[in-house]
Full PDB file with SEQRES, HELIX, SHEET, SSBOND, CRYST1, ORIGX, SCALE, CONECT and MASTER records, all heavy atoms in Angstrom:
SEQRES   1 A   39  LEU ASP ASN ARG LEU SER PHE MET LEU PHE ILE GLN ILE          
SEQRES   2 A   39  ILE LEU LEU SER LEU CYS THR PHE PRO GLN ALA ILE GLN          
SEQRES   3 A   39  LYS MET TYR SER THR LEU ILE PRO ASN GLU VAL GLU THR          
HELIX    1 AA1 ASP A    2  LEU A   32  1                                  31    
CRYST1    1.000    1.000    1.000  90.00  90.00  90.00 P 1           1          
ORIGX1      1.000000  0.000000  0.000000        0.00000                         
ORIGX2      0.000000  1.000000  0.000000        0.00000                         
ORIGX3      0.000000  0.000000  1.000000        0.00000                         
SCALE1      1.000000  0.000000  0.000000        0.00000                         
SCALE2      0.000000  1.000000  0.000000        0.00000                         
SCALE3      0.000000  0.000000  1.000000        0.00000                         
ATOM      1  N   LEU A   1     123.228  -0.367 258.297  1.00  0.00           N  
ATOM      2  CA  LEU A   1     124.564   0.149 257.991  1.00  0.00           C  
ATOM      3  C   LEU A   1     124.719   0.389 256.515  1.00  0.00           C  
ATOM      4  O   LEU A   1     125.254   1.439 256.122  1.00  0.00           O  
ATOM      5  CB  LEU A   1     125.595  -0.874 258.501  1.00  0.00           C  
ATOM      6  CG  LEU A   1     127.056  -0.594 258.173  1.00  0.00           C  
ATOM      7  CD1 LEU A   1     127.495   0.706 258.740  1.00  0.00           C  
ATOM      8  CD2 LEU A   1     127.985  -1.712 258.626  1.00  0.00           C  
ATOM      9  N   ASP A   2     124.291  -0.559 255.677  1.00  0.00           N  
ATOM     10  CA  ASP A   2     124.432  -0.377 254.234  1.00  0.00           C  
ATOM     11  C   ASP A   2     123.589   0.728 253.751  1.00  0.00           C  
ATOM     12  O   ASP A   2     124.061   1.542 252.859  1.00  0.00           O  
ATOM     13  CB  ASP A   2     123.918  -1.754 253.527  1.00  0.00           C  
ATOM     14  CG  ASP A   2     124.934  -2.838 253.755  1.00  0.00           C  
ATOM     15  OD1 ASP A   2     126.114  -2.553 253.883  1.00  0.00           O  
ATOM     16  OD2 ASP A   2     124.565  -4.058 253.604  1.00  0.00           O  
ATOM     17  N   ASN A   3     122.390   0.967 254.200  1.00  0.00           N  
ATOM     18  CA  ASN A   3     121.538   2.068 253.753  1.00  0.00           C  
ATOM     19  C   ASN A   3     122.173   3.401 254.217  1.00  0.00           C  
ATOM     20  O   ASN A   3     122.150   4.370 253.413  1.00  0.00           O  
ATOM     21  CB  ASN A   3     120.126   1.962 254.378  1.00  0.00           C  
ATOM     22  CG  ASN A   3     119.328   0.803 253.722  1.00  0.00           C  
ATOM     23  OD1 ASN A   3     119.642   0.346 252.713  1.00  0.00           O  
ATOM     24  ND2 ASN A   3     118.367   0.313 254.438  1.00  0.00           N  
ATOM     25  N   ARG A   4     122.704   3.475 255.414  1.00  0.00           N  
ATOM     26  CA  ARG A   4     123.313   4.730 255.870  1.00  0.00           C  
ATOM     27  C   ARG A   4     124.590   5.032 255.090  1.00  0.00           C  
ATOM     28  O   ARG A   4     124.846   6.158 254.771  1.00  0.00           O  
ATOM     29  CB  ARG A   4     123.643   4.659 257.318  1.00  0.00           C  
ATOM     30  CG  ARG A   4     122.433   5.051 258.220  1.00  0.00           C  
ATOM     31  CD  ARG A   4     122.086   6.448 257.918  1.00  0.00           C  
ATOM     32  NE  ARG A   4     120.729   6.784 258.533  1.00  0.00           N  
ATOM     33  CZ  ARG A   4     120.149   7.955 258.391  1.00  0.00           C  
ATOM     34  NH1 ARG A   4     120.638   8.837 257.644  1.00  0.00           N  
ATOM     35  NH2 ARG A   4     118.975   8.104 258.919  1.00  0.00           N  
ATOM     36  N   LEU A   5     125.350   4.043 254.783  1.00  0.00           N  
ATOM     37  CA  LEU A   5     126.582   4.282 254.033  1.00  0.00           C  
ATOM     38  C   LEU A   5     126.235   4.715 252.593  1.00  0.00           C  
ATOM     39  O   LEU A   5     126.886   5.622 252.030  1.00  0.00           O  
ATOM     40  CB  LEU A   5     127.395   2.924 253.923  1.00  0.00           C  
ATOM     41  CG  LEU A   5     128.143   2.525 255.239  1.00  0.00           C  
ATOM     42  CD1 LEU A   5     128.759   1.184 255.092  1.00  0.00           C  
ATOM     43  CD2 LEU A   5     129.238   3.520 255.579  1.00  0.00           C  
ATOM     44  N   SER A   6     125.150   4.119 252.009  1.00  0.00           N  
ATOM     45  CA  SER A   6     124.750   4.652 250.710  1.00  0.00           C  
ATOM     46  C   SER A   6     124.289   6.048 250.774  1.00  0.00           C  
ATOM     47  O   SER A   6     124.622   6.849 249.875  1.00  0.00           O  
ATOM     48  CB  SER A   6     123.599   3.711 250.249  1.00  0.00           C  
ATOM     49  OG  SER A   6     123.977   2.335 250.042  1.00  0.00           O  
ATOM     50  N   PHE A   7     123.517   6.467 251.695  1.00  0.00           N  
ATOM     51  CA  PHE A   7     123.050   7.759 251.867  1.00  0.00           C  
ATOM     52  C   PHE A   7     124.194   8.758 252.056  1.00  0.00           C  
ATOM     53  O   PHE A   7     124.167   9.818 251.437  1.00  0.00           O  
ATOM     54  CB  PHE A   7     122.017   7.930 253.051  1.00  0.00           C  
ATOM     55  CG  PHE A   7     121.387   9.211 253.097  1.00  0.00           C  
ATOM     56  CD1 PHE A   7     120.524   9.706 252.184  1.00  0.00           C  
ATOM     57  CD2 PHE A   7     121.688  10.051 254.245  1.00  0.00           C  
ATOM     58  CE1 PHE A   7     119.940  10.931 252.266  1.00  0.00           C  
ATOM     59  CE2 PHE A   7     121.075  11.320 254.326  1.00  0.00           C  
ATOM     60  CZ  PHE A   7     120.195  11.737 253.380  1.00  0.00           C  
ATOM     61  N   MET A   8     125.091   8.394 252.939  1.00  0.00           N  
ATOM     62  CA  MET A   8     126.310   9.174 253.087  1.00  0.00           C  
ATOM     63  C   MET A   8     127.086   9.484 251.855  1.00  0.00           C  
ATOM     64  O   MET A   8     127.587  10.519 251.511  1.00  0.00           O  
ATOM     65  CB  MET A   8     127.216   8.566 254.201  1.00  0.00           C  
ATOM     66  CG  MET A   8     126.692   8.589 255.589  1.00  0.00           C  
ATOM     67  SD  MET A   8     127.344   7.397 256.690  1.00  0.00           S  
ATOM     68  CE  MET A   8     129.188   7.690 256.553  1.00  0.00           C  
ATOM     69  N   LEU A   9     127.227   8.335 251.078  1.00  0.00           N  
ATOM     70  CA  LEU A   9     127.840   8.390 249.766  1.00  0.00           C  
ATOM     71  C   LEU A   9     127.164   9.339 248.782  1.00  0.00           C  
ATOM     72  O   LEU A   9     127.804  10.134 248.081  1.00  0.00           O  
ATOM     73  CB  LEU A   9     127.970   7.050 249.186  1.00  0.00           C  
ATOM     74  CG  LEU A   9     128.693   6.848 247.850  1.00  0.00           C  
ATOM     75  CD1 LEU A   9     130.140   7.350 247.907  1.00  0.00           C  
ATOM     76  CD2 LEU A   9     128.613   5.435 247.307  1.00  0.00           C  
ATOM     77  N   PHE A  10     125.818   9.238 248.666  1.00  0.00           N  
ATOM     78  CA  PHE A  10     125.082  10.090 247.729  1.00  0.00           C  
ATOM     79  C   PHE A  10     125.264  11.553 248.078  1.00  0.00           C  
ATOM     80  O   PHE A  10     125.416  12.405 247.150  1.00  0.00           O  
ATOM     81  CB  PHE A  10     123.570   9.680 247.740  1.00  0.00           C  
ATOM     82  CG  PHE A  10     123.284   8.289 247.298  1.00  0.00           C  
ATOM     83  CD1 PHE A  10     122.279   7.583 247.796  1.00  0.00           C  
ATOM     84  CD2 PHE A  10     124.217   7.688 246.367  1.00  0.00           C  
ATOM     85  CE1 PHE A  10     121.998   6.329 247.427  1.00  0.00           C  
ATOM     86  CE2 PHE A  10     123.916   6.391 245.973  1.00  0.00           C  
ATOM     87  CZ  PHE A  10     122.783   5.692 246.501  1.00  0.00           C  
ATOM     88  N   ILE A  11     125.173  11.961 249.374  1.00  0.00           N  
ATOM     89  CA  ILE A  11     125.333  13.313 249.766  1.00  0.00           C  
ATOM     90  C   ILE A  11     126.742  13.823 249.402  1.00  0.00           C  
ATOM     91  O   ILE A  11     126.970  14.877 248.917  1.00  0.00           O  
ATOM     92  CB  ILE A  11     125.012  13.468 251.281  1.00  0.00           C  
ATOM     93  CG1 ILE A  11     123.629  13.063 251.621  1.00  0.00           C  
ATOM     94  CG2 ILE A  11     125.379  14.895 251.692  1.00  0.00           C  
ATOM     95  CD1 ILE A  11     122.609  13.933 250.946  1.00  0.00           C  
ATOM     96  N   GLN A  12     127.764  12.943 249.638  1.00  0.00           N  
ATOM     97  CA  GLN A  12     129.125  13.342 249.276  1.00  0.00           C  
ATOM     98  C   GLN A  12     129.323  13.482 247.863  1.00  0.00           C  
ATOM     99  O   GLN A  12     130.040  14.418 247.443  1.00  0.00           O  
ATOM    100  CB  GLN A  12     130.120  12.240 249.895  1.00  0.00           C  
ATOM    101  CG  GLN A  12     131.553  12.663 249.708  1.00  0.00           C  
ATOM    102  CD  GLN A  12     132.494  11.651 250.422  1.00  0.00           C  
ATOM    103  OE1 GLN A  12     132.076  10.638 250.997  1.00  0.00           O  
ATOM    104  NE2 GLN A  12     133.777  11.964 250.337  1.00  0.00           N  
ATOM    105  N   ILE A  13     128.759  12.654 246.999  1.00  0.00           N  
ATOM    106  CA  ILE A  13     128.822  12.772 245.571  1.00  0.00           C  
ATOM    107  C   ILE A  13     128.300  14.141 245.104  1.00  0.00           C  
ATOM    108  O   ILE A  13     128.875  14.793 244.284  1.00  0.00           O  
ATOM    109  CB  ILE A  13     128.169  11.568 244.872  1.00  0.00           C  
ATOM    110  CG1 ILE A  13     128.909  10.299 245.117  1.00  0.00           C  
ATOM    111  CG2 ILE A  13     128.016  11.942 243.378  1.00  0.00           C  
ATOM    112  CD1 ILE A  13     128.161   9.086 244.648  1.00  0.00           C  
ATOM    113  N   ILE A  14     127.131  14.493 245.627  1.00  0.00           N  
ATOM    114  CA  ILE A  14     126.537  15.810 245.133  1.00  0.00           C  
ATOM    115  C   ILE A  14     127.420  16.974 245.558  1.00  0.00           C  
ATOM    116  O   ILE A  14     127.692  17.864 244.725  1.00  0.00           O  
ATOM    117  CB  ILE A  14     125.102  15.889 245.876  1.00  0.00           C  
ATOM    118  CG1 ILE A  14     124.229  14.804 245.303  1.00  0.00           C  
ATOM    119  CG2 ILE A  14     124.522  17.293 245.622  1.00  0.00           C  
ATOM    120  CD1 ILE A  14     122.861  14.730 245.965  1.00  0.00           C  
ATOM    121  N   LEU A  15     127.843  16.990 246.794  1.00  0.00           N  
ATOM    122  CA  LEU A  15     128.694  18.089 247.237  1.00  0.00           C  
ATOM    123  C   LEU A  15     130.116  18.097 246.544  1.00  0.00           C  
ATOM    124  O   LEU A  15     130.618  19.183 246.289  1.00  0.00           O  
ATOM    125  CB  LEU A  15     128.876  18.050 248.793  1.00  0.00           C  
ATOM    126  CG  LEU A  15     127.539  18.248 249.574  1.00  0.00           C  
ATOM    127  CD1 LEU A  15     127.832  18.200 251.058  1.00  0.00           C  
ATOM    128  CD2 LEU A  15     126.946  19.597 249.286  1.00  0.00           C  
ATOM    129  N   LEU A  16     130.621  16.902 246.344  1.00  0.00           N  
ATOM    130  CA  LEU A  16     131.879  16.889 245.666  1.00  0.00           C  
ATOM    131  C   LEU A  16     131.814  17.426 244.171  1.00  0.00           C  
ATOM    132  O   LEU A  16     132.621  18.144 243.680  1.00  0.00           O  
ATOM    133  CB  LEU A  16     132.437  15.413 245.512  1.00  0.00           C  
ATOM    134  CG  LEU A  16     133.159  14.891 246.747  1.00  0.00           C  
ATOM    135  CD1 LEU A  16     133.515  13.411 246.554  1.00  0.00           C  
ATOM    136  CD2 LEU A  16     134.479  15.606 246.929  1.00  0.00           C  
ATOM    137  N   SER A  17     130.642  17.123 243.574  1.00  0.00           N  
ATOM    138  CA  SER A  17     130.396  17.645 242.187  1.00  0.00           C  
ATOM    139  C   SER A  17     130.338  19.127 242.185  1.00  0.00           C  
ATOM    140  O   SER A  17     130.900  19.853 241.319  1.00  0.00           O  
ATOM    141  CB  SER A  17     129.137  17.011 241.594  1.00  0.00           C  
ATOM    142  OG  SER A  17     129.205  15.600 241.609  1.00  0.00           O  
ATOM    143  N   LEU A  18     129.563  19.729 243.157  1.00  0.00           N  
ATOM    144  CA  LEU A  18     129.431  21.170 243.267  1.00  0.00           C  
ATOM    145  C   LEU A  18     130.767  21.898 243.511  1.00  0.00           C  
ATOM    146  O   LEU A  18     130.946  22.968 243.096  1.00  0.00           O  
ATOM    147  CB  LEU A  18     128.386  21.541 244.364  1.00  0.00           C  
ATOM    148  CG  LEU A  18     126.981  21.063 244.085  1.00  0.00           C  
ATOM    149  CD1 LEU A  18     126.133  21.402 245.313  1.00  0.00           C  
ATOM    150  CD2 LEU A  18     126.354  21.795 242.927  1.00  0.00           C  
ATOM    151  N   CYS A  19     131.609  21.185 244.294  1.00  0.00           N  
ATOM    152  CA  CYS A  19     132.919  21.855 244.693  1.00  0.00           C  
ATOM    153  C   CYS A  19     134.064  21.641 243.634  1.00  0.00           C  
ATOM    154  O   CYS A  19     134.996  22.501 243.660  1.00  0.00           O  
ATOM    155  CB  CYS A  19     133.344  21.322 246.013  1.00  0.00           C  
ATOM    156  SG  CYS A  19     132.354  21.921 247.418  1.00  0.00           S  
ATOM    157  N   THR A  20     133.874  20.652 242.898  1.00  0.00           N  
ATOM    158  CA  THR A  20     135.061  20.301 241.969  1.00  0.00           C  
ATOM    159  C   THR A  20     134.827  20.590 240.449  1.00  0.00           C  
ATOM    160  O   THR A  20     135.736  20.858 239.697  1.00  0.00           O  
ATOM    161  CB  THR A  20     135.532  18.863 242.113  1.00  0.00           C  
ATOM    162  OG1 THR A  20     134.346  17.975 241.874  1.00  0.00           O  
ATOM    163  CG2 THR A  20     135.989  18.572 243.504  1.00  0.00           C  
ATOM    164  N   PHE A  21     133.534  20.490 240.042  1.00  0.00           N  
ATOM    165  CA  PHE A  21     133.225  20.763 238.620  1.00  0.00           C  
ATOM    166  C   PHE A  21     133.592  22.176 238.161  1.00  0.00           C  
ATOM    167  O   PHE A  21     134.066  22.301 237.088  1.00  0.00           O  
ATOM    168  CB  PHE A  21     131.685  20.628 238.405  1.00  0.00           C  
ATOM    169  CG  PHE A  21     131.327  19.155 238.003  1.00  0.00           C  
ATOM    170  CD1 PHE A  21     130.142  18.611 238.264  1.00  0.00           C  
ATOM    171  CD2 PHE A  21     132.225  18.362 237.298  1.00  0.00           C  
ATOM    172  CE1 PHE A  21     129.835  17.296 237.980  1.00  0.00           C  
ATOM    173  CE2 PHE A  21     131.917  17.066 236.870  1.00  0.00           C  
ATOM    174  CZ  PHE A  21     130.677  16.550 237.227  1.00  0.00           C  
ATOM    175  N   PRO A  22     133.452  23.235 238.993  1.00  0.00           N  
ATOM    176  CA  PRO A  22     133.828  24.542 238.522  1.00  0.00           C  
ATOM    177  C   PRO A  22     135.338  24.607 238.122  1.00  0.00           C  
ATOM    178  O   PRO A  22     135.686  25.195 237.088  1.00  0.00           O  
ATOM    179  CB  PRO A  22     133.542  25.448 239.762  1.00  0.00           C  
ATOM    180  CG  PRO A  22     132.426  24.786 240.405  1.00  0.00           C  
ATOM    181  CD  PRO A  22     132.714  23.312 240.272  1.00  0.00           C  
ATOM    182  N   GLN A  23     136.163  23.965 238.938  1.00  0.00           N  
ATOM    183  CA  GLN A  23     137.626  23.997 238.566  1.00  0.00           C  
ATOM    184  C   GLN A  23     137.908  23.214 237.324  1.00  0.00           C  
ATOM    185  O   GLN A  23     138.752  23.576 236.487  1.00  0.00           O  
ATOM    186  CB  GLN A  23     138.499  23.478 239.727  1.00  0.00           C  
ATOM    187  CG  GLN A  23     139.994  23.761 239.449  1.00  0.00           C  
ATOM    188  CD  GLN A  23     140.868  23.052 240.358  1.00  0.00           C  
ATOM    189  OE1 GLN A  23     140.657  21.938 240.791  1.00  0.00           O  
ATOM    190  NE2 GLN A  23     142.083  23.636 240.637  1.00  0.00           N  
ATOM    191  N   ALA A  24     137.252  22.128 237.183  1.00  0.00           N  
ATOM    192  CA  ALA A  24     137.356  21.283 235.904  1.00  0.00           C  
ATOM    193  C   ALA A  24     136.923  22.112 234.712  1.00  0.00           C  
ATOM    194  O   ALA A  24     137.662  22.105 233.657  1.00  0.00           O  
ATOM    195  CB  ALA A  24     136.527  19.981 236.026  1.00  0.00           C  
ATOM    196  N   ILE A  25     135.856  22.843 234.767  1.00  0.00           N  
ATOM    197  CA  ILE A  25     135.407  23.622 233.663  1.00  0.00           C  
ATOM    198  C   ILE A  25     136.443  24.813 233.460  1.00  0.00           C  
ATOM    199  O   ILE A  25     136.816  25.100 232.256  1.00  0.00           O  
ATOM    200  CB  ILE A  25     134.042  24.259 233.971  1.00  0.00           C  
ATOM    201  CG1 ILE A  25     133.018  23.144 233.993  1.00  0.00           C  
ATOM    202  CG2 ILE A  25     133.604  25.268 232.927  1.00  0.00           C  
ATOM    203  CD1 ILE A  25     131.664  23.556 234.589  1.00  0.00           C  
ATOM    204  N   GLN A  26     136.934  25.382 234.506  1.00  0.00           N  
ATOM    205  CA  GLN A  26     137.947  26.503 234.340  1.00  0.00           C  
ATOM    206  C   GLN A  26     139.178  25.944 233.721  1.00  0.00           C  
ATOM    207  O   GLN A  26     139.778  26.582 232.904  1.00  0.00           O  
ATOM    208  CB  GLN A  26     138.248  27.060 235.787  1.00  0.00           C  
ATOM    209  CG  GLN A  26     139.179  28.282 235.742  1.00  0.00           C  
ATOM    210  CD  GLN A  26     140.693  27.901 235.895  1.00  0.00           C  
ATOM    211  OE1 GLN A  26     140.942  26.929 236.470  1.00  0.00           O  
ATOM    212  NE2 GLN A  26     141.452  28.747 235.384  1.00  0.00           N  
ATOM    213  N   LYS A  27     139.594  24.757 234.090  1.00  0.00           N  
ATOM    214  CA  LYS A  27     140.821  24.149 233.549  1.00  0.00           C  
ATOM    215  C   LYS A  27     140.680  23.861 232.032  1.00  0.00           C  
ATOM    216  O   LYS A  27     141.508  24.133 231.215  1.00  0.00           O  
ATOM    217  CB  LYS A  27     141.138  22.780 234.219  1.00  0.00           C  
ATOM    218  CG  LYS A  27     141.739  22.958 235.614  1.00  0.00           C  
ATOM    219  CD  LYS A  27     143.244  23.105 235.535  1.00  0.00           C  
ATOM    220  CE  LYS A  27     143.924  23.141 236.909  1.00  0.00           C  
ATOM    221  NZ  LYS A  27     145.312  23.382 236.833  1.00  0.00           N  
ATOM    222  N   MET A  28     139.441  23.306 231.661  1.00  0.00           N  
ATOM    223  CA  MET A  28     139.191  22.959 230.287  1.00  0.00           C  
ATOM    224  C   MET A  28     139.104  24.328 229.464  1.00  0.00           C  
ATOM    225  O   MET A  28     139.589  24.348 228.323  1.00  0.00           O  
ATOM    226  CB  MET A  28     137.848  22.238 230.198  1.00  0.00           C  
ATOM    227  CG  MET A  28     137.907  20.875 230.880  1.00  0.00           C  
ATOM    228  SD  MET A  28     139.048  19.726 230.101  1.00  0.00           S  
ATOM    229  CE  MET A  28     138.160  19.350 228.603  1.00  0.00           C  
ATOM    230  N   TYR A  29     138.498  25.318 230.051  1.00  0.00           N  
ATOM    231  CA  TYR A  29     138.363  26.601 229.335  1.00  0.00           C  
ATOM    232  C   TYR A  29     139.708  27.215 228.988  1.00  0.00           C  
ATOM    233  O   TYR A  29     140.043  27.653 227.923  1.00  0.00           O  
ATOM    234  CB  TYR A  29     137.550  27.552 230.188  1.00  0.00           C  
ATOM    235  CG  TYR A  29     137.518  28.968 229.614  1.00  0.00           C  
ATOM    236  CD1 TYR A  29     136.564  29.327 228.573  1.00  0.00           C  
ATOM    237  CD2 TYR A  29     138.330  30.004 230.149  1.00  0.00           C  
ATOM    238  CE1 TYR A  29     136.495  30.605 228.078  1.00  0.00           C  
ATOM    239  CE2 TYR A  29     138.309  31.258 229.616  1.00  0.00           C  
ATOM    240  CZ  TYR A  29     137.442  31.542 228.632  1.00  0.00           C  
ATOM    241  OH  TYR A  29     137.379  32.826 228.153  1.00  0.00           O  
ATOM    242  N   SER A  30     140.634  27.306 230.104  1.00  0.00           N  
ATOM    243  CA  SER A  30     141.911  27.947 229.955  1.00  0.00           C  
ATOM    244  C   SER A  30     142.832  27.105 229.002  1.00  0.00           C  
ATOM    245  O   SER A  30     143.698  27.653 228.352  1.00  0.00           O  
ATOM    246  CB  SER A  30     142.621  28.015 231.283  1.00  0.00           C  
ATOM    247  OG  SER A  30     142.839  26.790 231.928  1.00  0.00           O  
ATOM    248  N   THR A  31     142.552  25.817 228.889  1.00  0.00           N  
ATOM    249  CA  THR A  31     143.399  24.942 228.065  1.00  0.00           C  
ATOM    250  C   THR A  31     142.895  24.966 226.564  1.00  0.00           C  
ATOM    251  O   THR A  31     143.646  24.971 225.674  1.00  0.00           O  
ATOM    252  CB  THR A  31     143.309  23.495 228.526  1.00  0.00           C  
ATOM    253  OG1 THR A  31     143.844  23.457 229.885  1.00  0.00           O  
ATOM    254  CG2 THR A  31     144.187  22.609 227.657  1.00  0.00           C  
ATOM    255  N   LEU A  32     141.569  25.040 226.395  1.00  0.00           N  
ATOM    256  CA  LEU A  32     141.034  24.880 225.017  1.00  0.00           C  
ATOM    257  C   LEU A  32     140.878  26.202 224.309  1.00  0.00           C  
ATOM    258  O   LEU A  32     140.978  26.278 223.093  1.00  0.00           O  
ATOM    259  CB  LEU A  32     139.652  24.166 225.067  1.00  0.00           C  
ATOM    260  CG  LEU A  32     139.692  22.703 225.485  1.00  0.00           C  
ATOM    261  CD1 LEU A  32     138.230  22.180 225.634  1.00  0.00           C  
ATOM    262  CD2 LEU A  32     140.464  21.900 224.508  1.00  0.00           C  
ATOM    263  N   ILE A  33     140.570  27.249 225.081  1.00  0.00           N  
ATOM    264  CA  ILE A  33     140.313  28.570 224.461  1.00  0.00           C  
ATOM    265  C   ILE A  33     141.694  29.174 224.084  1.00  0.00           C  
ATOM    266  O   ILE A  33     142.569  29.297 224.904  1.00  0.00           O  
ATOM    267  CB  ILE A  33     139.624  29.552 225.428  1.00  0.00           C  
ATOM    268  CG1 ILE A  33     138.247  28.862 225.735  1.00  0.00           C  
ATOM    269  CG2 ILE A  33     139.388  30.892 224.741  1.00  0.00           C  
ATOM    270  CD1 ILE A  33     137.342  28.633 224.550  1.00  0.00           C  
ATOM    271  N   PRO A  34     141.898  29.608 222.817  1.00  0.00           N  
ATOM    272  CA  PRO A  34     143.116  30.227 222.417  1.00  0.00           C  
ATOM    273  C   PRO A  34     143.503  31.456 223.357  1.00  0.00           C  
ATOM    274  O   PRO A  34     142.584  32.214 223.685  1.00  0.00           O  
ATOM    275  CB  PRO A  34     142.916  30.568 220.995  1.00  0.00           C  
ATOM    276  CG  PRO A  34     141.784  29.767 220.543  1.00  0.00           C  
ATOM    277  CD  PRO A  34     140.890  29.549 221.792  1.00  0.00           C  
ATOM    278  N   ASN A  35     144.820  31.585 223.535  1.00  0.00           N  
ATOM    279  CA  ASN A  35     145.213  32.801 224.311  1.00  0.00           C  
ATOM    280  C   ASN A  35     144.911  34.091 223.521  1.00  0.00           C  
ATOM    281  O   ASN A  35     145.239  34.223 222.368  1.00  0.00           O  
ATOM    282  CB  ASN A  35     146.688  32.729 224.637  1.00  0.00           C  
ATOM    283  CG  ASN A  35     147.024  31.618 225.597  1.00  0.00           C  
ATOM    284  OD1 ASN A  35     146.202  31.226 226.440  1.00  0.00           O  
ATOM    285  ND2 ASN A  35     148.190  31.018 225.475  1.00  0.00           N  
ATOM    286  N   GLU A  36     144.302  35.028 224.259  1.00  0.00           N  
ATOM    287  CA  GLU A  36     144.007  36.327 223.648  1.00  0.00           C  
ATOM    288  C   GLU A  36     144.831  37.406 224.411  1.00  0.00           C  
ATOM    289  O   GLU A  36     145.495  37.107 225.409  1.00  0.00           O  
ATOM    290  CB  GLU A  36     142.501  36.632 223.800  1.00  0.00           C  
ATOM    291  CG  GLU A  36     141.612  35.555 223.159  1.00  0.00           C  
ATOM    292  CD  GLU A  36     140.129  35.919 223.436  1.00  0.00           C  
ATOM    293  OE1 GLU A  36     139.773  36.841 224.181  1.00  0.00           O  
ATOM    294  OE2 GLU A  36     139.240  35.155 222.953  1.00  0.00           O  
ATOM    295  N   VAL A  37     144.798  38.541 223.809  1.00  0.00           N  
ATOM    296  CA  VAL A  37     145.507  39.673 224.472  1.00  0.00           C  
ATOM    297  C   VAL A  37     144.681  40.008 225.665  1.00  0.00           C  
ATOM    298  O   VAL A  37     143.519  40.454 225.554  1.00  0.00           O  
ATOM    299  CB  VAL A  37     145.670  40.884 223.524  1.00  0.00           C  
ATOM    300  CG1 VAL A  37     146.308  42.008 224.202  1.00  0.00           C  
ATOM    301  CG2 VAL A  37     146.436  40.467 222.319  1.00  0.00           C  
ATOM    302  N   GLU A  38     145.275  39.764 226.924  1.00  0.00           N  
ATOM    303  CA  GLU A  38     144.480  40.034 228.075  1.00  0.00           C  
ATOM    304  C   GLU A  38     144.904  41.372 228.682  1.00  0.00           C  
ATOM    305  O   GLU A  38     146.098  41.701 228.806  1.00  0.00           O  
ATOM    306  CB  GLU A  38     144.815  38.849 229.098  1.00  0.00           C  
ATOM    307  CG  GLU A  38     144.265  37.551 228.523  1.00  0.00           C  
ATOM    308  CD  GLU A  38     144.390  36.446 229.532  1.00  0.00           C  
ATOM    309  OE1 GLU A  38     145.229  36.681 230.524  1.00  0.00           O  
ATOM    310  OE2 GLU A  38     143.713  35.459 229.479  1.00  0.00           O  
ATOM    311  N   THR A  39     143.918  42.072 229.147  1.00  0.00           N  
ATOM    312  CA  THR A  39     144.172  43.301 229.925  1.00  0.00           C  
ATOM    313  C   THR A  39     144.490  42.996 231.344  1.00  0.00           C  
ATOM    314  O   THR A  39     144.184  41.927 231.855  1.00  0.00           O  
ATOM    315  CB  THR A  39     142.934  44.194 229.866  1.00  0.00           C  
ATOM    316  OG1 THR A  39     141.882  43.561 230.524  1.00  0.00           O  
ATOM    317  CG2 THR A  39     142.475  44.462 228.384  1.00  0.00           C  
TER     318      THR A  39                                                      
MASTER        0    0    0    1    0    0    0    6  317    1    0    3          
END                                                                             
């Protein structure tokens, strides 16, 4: 049970990172980069 729970957790961590990191980067970019004249 402990080994399976650990394996389930590792897979979830990897997929969570792939799905959520892009939005975190986008949020940081839009917040830190000065506003430019946008077309």
